[in-house]
Amino acid sequence: MNPMQYLVIVEKSENGFGAYVPDLPGCVAAAETRAEVVSLIQEAIEFHIEGLKKAGDPIPTPKSQSELVNVHAA
């Protein structure tokens, strides 16, 4: 099976970091550091997909994309 790449959104909060996958609703992770949350979300994605397979549900194709946009702020 070919590896799949999912867009992961990482957000910093007052207490650490959170991450979620737009193409896999409910697939989330939280941790104190960015490196830790990235590791945890990778595990969460694999676990999520494994659960979908066991349930006989389709694996969502990665569709989300990101773009950084420069703006002039006052």
N, C-alpha and C. Protein backbone atom coordinates (compact mmCIF):
# COMPACT_ATOMS: atom_id res chain seq x y z
N MET A 1 0.85 -1.19 0.00
CA MET A 1 0.00 0.00 0.00
C MET A 1 0.88 1.25 0.00
N ASN A 2 0.53 2.21 -0.82
CA ASN A 2 1.29 3.45 -0.90
C ASN A 2 1.01 4.33 0.30
N PRO A 3 2.03 5.04 0.78
CA PRO A 3 1.78 5.95 1.90
C PRO A 3 0.85 7.09 1.48
N MET A 4 0.03 7.54 2.43
CA MET A 4 -0.88 8.65 2.18
C MET A 4 -0.40 9.84 3.01
N GLN A 5 -0.61 11.03 2.51
CA GLN A 5 -0.26 12.24 3.25
C GLN A 5 -1.53 13.02 3.54
N TYR A 6 -1.79 13.22 4.82
CA TYR A 6 -2.94 14.01 5.25
C TYR A 6 -2.46 15.35 5.78
N LEU A 7 -3.21 16.39 5.48
CA LEU A 7 -2.93 17.70 6.05
C LEU A 7 -3.26 17.65 7.54
N VAL A 8 -2.32 18.08 8.36
CA VAL A 8 -2.51 18.16 9.81
C VAL A 8 -2.43 19.63 10.20
N ILE A 9 -3.43 20.10 10.93
CA ILE A 9 -3.43 21.46 11.44
C ILE A 9 -2.89 21.40 12.87
N VAL A 10 -1.83 22.16 13.14
CA VAL A 10 -1.25 22.24 14.47
C VAL A 10 -1.51 23.64 15.00
N GLU A 11 -2.08 23.71 16.19
CA GLU A 11 -2.40 25.00 16.81
C GLU A 11 -1.74 25.10 18.17
N LYS A 12 -1.15 26.25 18.45
CA LYS A 12 -0.55 26.51 19.76
C LYS A 12 -1.59 27.13 20.67
N SER A 13 -1.62 26.67 21.91
CA SER A 13 -2.54 27.24 22.89
C SER A 13 -1.74 27.65 24.12
N GLU A 14 -2.42 28.15 25.11
CA GLU A 14 -1.74 28.54 26.36
C GLU A 14 -1.15 27.33 27.07
N ASN A 15 -1.73 26.15 26.85
CA ASN A 15 -1.31 24.95 27.57
C ASN A 15 -0.44 24.01 26.77
N GLY A 16 -0.18 24.29 25.53
CA GLY A 16 0.62 23.39 24.70
C GLY A 16 0.19 23.47 23.25
N PHE A 17 0.01 22.29 22.64
CA PHE A 17 -0.33 22.22 21.23
C PHE A 17 -1.46 21.23 21.00
N GLY A 18 -2.26 21.54 20.01
CA GLY A 18 -3.32 20.64 19.57
C GLY A 18 -3.15 20.40 18.09
N ALA A 19 -3.64 19.27 17.61
CA ALA A 19 -3.55 18.96 16.19
C ALA A 19 -4.82 18.22 15.77
N TYR A 20 -5.23 18.44 14.52
CA TYR A 20 -6.37 17.71 13.98
C TYR A 20 -6.19 17.54 12.48
N VAL A 21 -6.97 16.61 11.92
CA VAL A 21 -6.86 16.26 10.50
C VAL A 21 -8.20 16.55 9.85
N PRO A 22 -8.28 17.60 9.02
CA PRO A 22 -9.56 17.96 8.40
C PRO A 22 -10.23 16.82 7.62
N ASP A 23 -9.43 15.96 7.00
CA ASP A 23 -10.01 14.88 6.20
C ASP A 23 -10.41 13.65 7.03
N LEU A 24 -10.09 13.66 8.31
CA LEU A 24 -10.45 12.55 9.20
C LEU A 24 -11.15 13.11 10.44
N PRO A 25 -12.42 13.46 10.32
CA PRO A 25 -13.13 14.05 11.46
C PRO A 25 -12.99 13.21 12.73
N GLY A 26 -12.68 13.88 13.82
CA GLY A 26 -12.53 13.21 15.10
C GLY A 26 -11.11 12.76 15.39
N CYS A 27 -10.23 12.89 14.44
CA CYS A 27 -8.83 12.49 14.62
C CYS A 27 -8.06 13.69 15.16
N VAL A 28 -7.76 13.64 16.47
CA VAL A 28 -7.14 14.78 17.15
C VAL A 28 -6.04 14.30 18.09
N ALA A 29 -5.19 15.24 18.51
CA ALA A 29 -4.15 14.96 19.50
C ALA A 29 -3.83 16.26 20.23
N ALA A 30 -3.31 16.11 21.44
CA ALA A 30 -2.88 17.27 22.23
C ALA A 30 -1.63 16.89 22.99
N ALA A 31 -0.73 17.86 23.18
CA ALA A 31 0.52 17.59 23.89
C ALA A 31 1.14 18.91 24.35
N GLU A 32 2.17 18.80 25.16
CA GLU A 32 2.85 19.99 25.66
C GLU A 32 3.77 20.63 24.63
N THR A 33 4.36 19.82 23.73
CA THR A 33 5.29 20.36 22.74
C THR A 33 4.80 20.07 21.32
N ARG A 34 5.32 20.85 20.39
CA ARG A 34 4.95 20.65 18.98
C ARG A 34 5.43 19.28 18.49
N ALA A 35 6.65 18.93 18.81
CA ALA A 35 7.19 17.64 18.37
C ALA A 35 6.34 16.49 18.89
N GLU A 36 5.94 16.60 20.14
CA GLU A 36 5.13 15.54 20.74
C GLU A 36 3.75 15.44 20.07
N VAL A 37 3.13 16.58 19.79
CA VAL A 37 1.80 16.53 19.17
C VAL A 37 1.88 15.99 17.74
N VAL A 38 2.95 16.27 17.03
CA VAL A 38 3.11 15.75 15.68
C VAL A 38 3.26 14.22 15.73
N SER A 39 4.03 13.74 16.68
CA SER A 39 4.19 12.30 16.84
C SER A 39 2.86 11.64 17.21
N LEU A 40 2.13 12.27 18.13
CA LEU A 40 0.85 11.71 18.56
C LEU A 40 -0.21 11.73 17.47
N ILE A 41 -0.22 12.78 16.64
CA ILE A 41 -1.23 12.84 15.59
C ILE A 41 -0.92 11.80 14.51
N GLN A 42 0.35 11.53 14.27
CA GLN A 42 0.70 10.48 13.31
C GLN A 42 0.16 9.13 13.82
N GLU A 43 0.36 8.85 15.09
CA GLU A 43 -0.18 7.62 15.68
C GLU A 43 -1.71 7.61 15.62
N ALA A 44 -2.31 8.77 15.88
CA ALA A 44 -3.78 8.87 15.85
C ALA A 44 -4.32 8.60 14.46
N ILE A 45 -3.64 9.10 13.44
CA ILE A 45 -4.08 8.86 12.06
C ILE A 45 -4.02 7.37 11.75
N GLU A 46 -2.92 6.74 12.11
CA GLU A 46 -2.78 5.30 11.84
C GLU A 46 -3.86 4.51 12.59
N PHE A 47 -4.11 4.86 13.84
CA PHE A 47 -5.13 4.19 14.63
C PHE A 47 -6.52 4.41 14.04
N HIS A 48 -6.79 5.64 13.62
CA HIS A 48 -8.08 6.01 13.02
C HIS A 48 -8.33 5.18 11.75
N ILE A 49 -7.33 5.12 10.89
CA ILE A 49 -7.47 4.37 9.64
C ILE A 49 -7.63 2.88 9.92
N GLU A 50 -6.90 2.37 10.90
CA GLU A 50 -7.04 0.97 11.28
C GLU A 50 -8.47 0.67 11.73
N GLY A 51 -9.04 1.58 12.51
CA GLY A 51 -10.42 1.42 12.96
C GLY A 51 -11.42 1.44 11.81
N LEU A 52 -11.19 2.33 10.84
CA LEU A 52 -12.05 2.39 9.67
C LEU A 52 -11.99 1.07 8.89
N LYS A 53 -10.79 0.55 8.72
CA LYS A 53 -10.62 -0.72 7.99
C LYS A 53 -11.36 -1.85 8.70
N LYS A 54 -11.19 -1.94 10.02
CA LYS A 54 -11.84 -3.01 10.78
C LYS A 54 -13.36 -2.92 10.69
N ALA A 55 -13.87 -1.71 10.62
CA ALA A 55 -15.31 -1.50 10.53
C ALA A 55 -15.83 -1.68 9.10
N GLY A 56 -14.91 -1.83 8.15
CA GLY A 56 -15.31 -1.96 6.75
C GLY A 56 -15.69 -0.65 6.11
N ASP A 57 -15.31 0.45 6.74
CA ASP A 57 -15.61 1.78 6.20
C ASP A 57 -14.51 2.21 5.22
N PRO A 58 -14.86 3.07 4.26
CA PRO A 58 -13.84 3.53 3.31
C PRO A 58 -12.82 4.45 4.00
N ILE A 59 -11.61 4.42 3.49
CA ILE A 59 -10.55 5.31 3.98
C ILE A 59 -10.65 6.62 3.18
N PRO A 60 -10.92 7.74 3.86
CA PRO A 60 -11.03 9.01 3.14
C PRO A 60 -9.74 9.37 2.40
N THR A 61 -9.88 9.75 1.17
CA THR A 61 -8.74 10.20 0.39
C THR A 61 -8.32 11.58 0.88
N PRO A 62 -7.02 11.80 1.07
CA PRO A 62 -6.59 13.14 1.47
C PRO A 62 -6.97 14.17 0.40
N LYS A 63 -7.68 15.21 0.81
CA LYS A 63 -8.12 16.24 -0.14
C LYS A 63 -7.73 17.64 0.32
N SER A 64 -7.63 17.84 1.62
CA SER A 64 -7.36 19.19 2.14
C SER A 64 -5.96 19.65 1.72
N GLN A 65 -5.86 20.94 1.48
CA GLN A 65 -4.60 21.56 1.13
C GLN A 65 -4.43 22.81 1.98
N SER A 66 -3.22 23.31 2.01
CA SER A 66 -2.98 24.54 2.77
C SER A 66 -2.31 25.58 1.86
N GLU A 67 -2.47 26.78 2.25
CA GLU A 67 -1.84 27.89 1.53
C GLU A 67 -1.56 28.99 2.54
N LEU A 68 -0.36 29.50 2.55
CA LEU A 68 -0.04 30.66 3.38
C LEU A 68 -0.29 31.92 2.55
N VAL A 69 -0.96 32.87 3.15
CA VAL A 69 -1.33 34.10 2.44
C VAL A 69 -0.76 35.28 3.21
N ASN A 70 -0.02 36.12 2.50
CA ASN A 70 0.51 37.34 3.11
C ASN A 70 -0.52 38.45 3.05
N VAL A 71 -0.70 39.15 4.15
CA VAL A 71 -1.62 40.30 4.19
C VAL A 71 -0.92 41.46 4.86
N HIS A 72 -1.37 42.65 4.56
CA HIS A 72 -0.85 43.85 5.21
C HIS A 72 -1.78 44.17 6.36
N ALA A 73 -1.26 44.09 7.57
CA ALA A 73 -2.08 44.38 8.75
C ALA A 73 -1.71 45.76 9.28
N ALA A 74 -2.71 46.42 9.80
CA ALA A 74 -2.49 47.78 10.34
C ALA A 74 -1.77 47.74 11.67
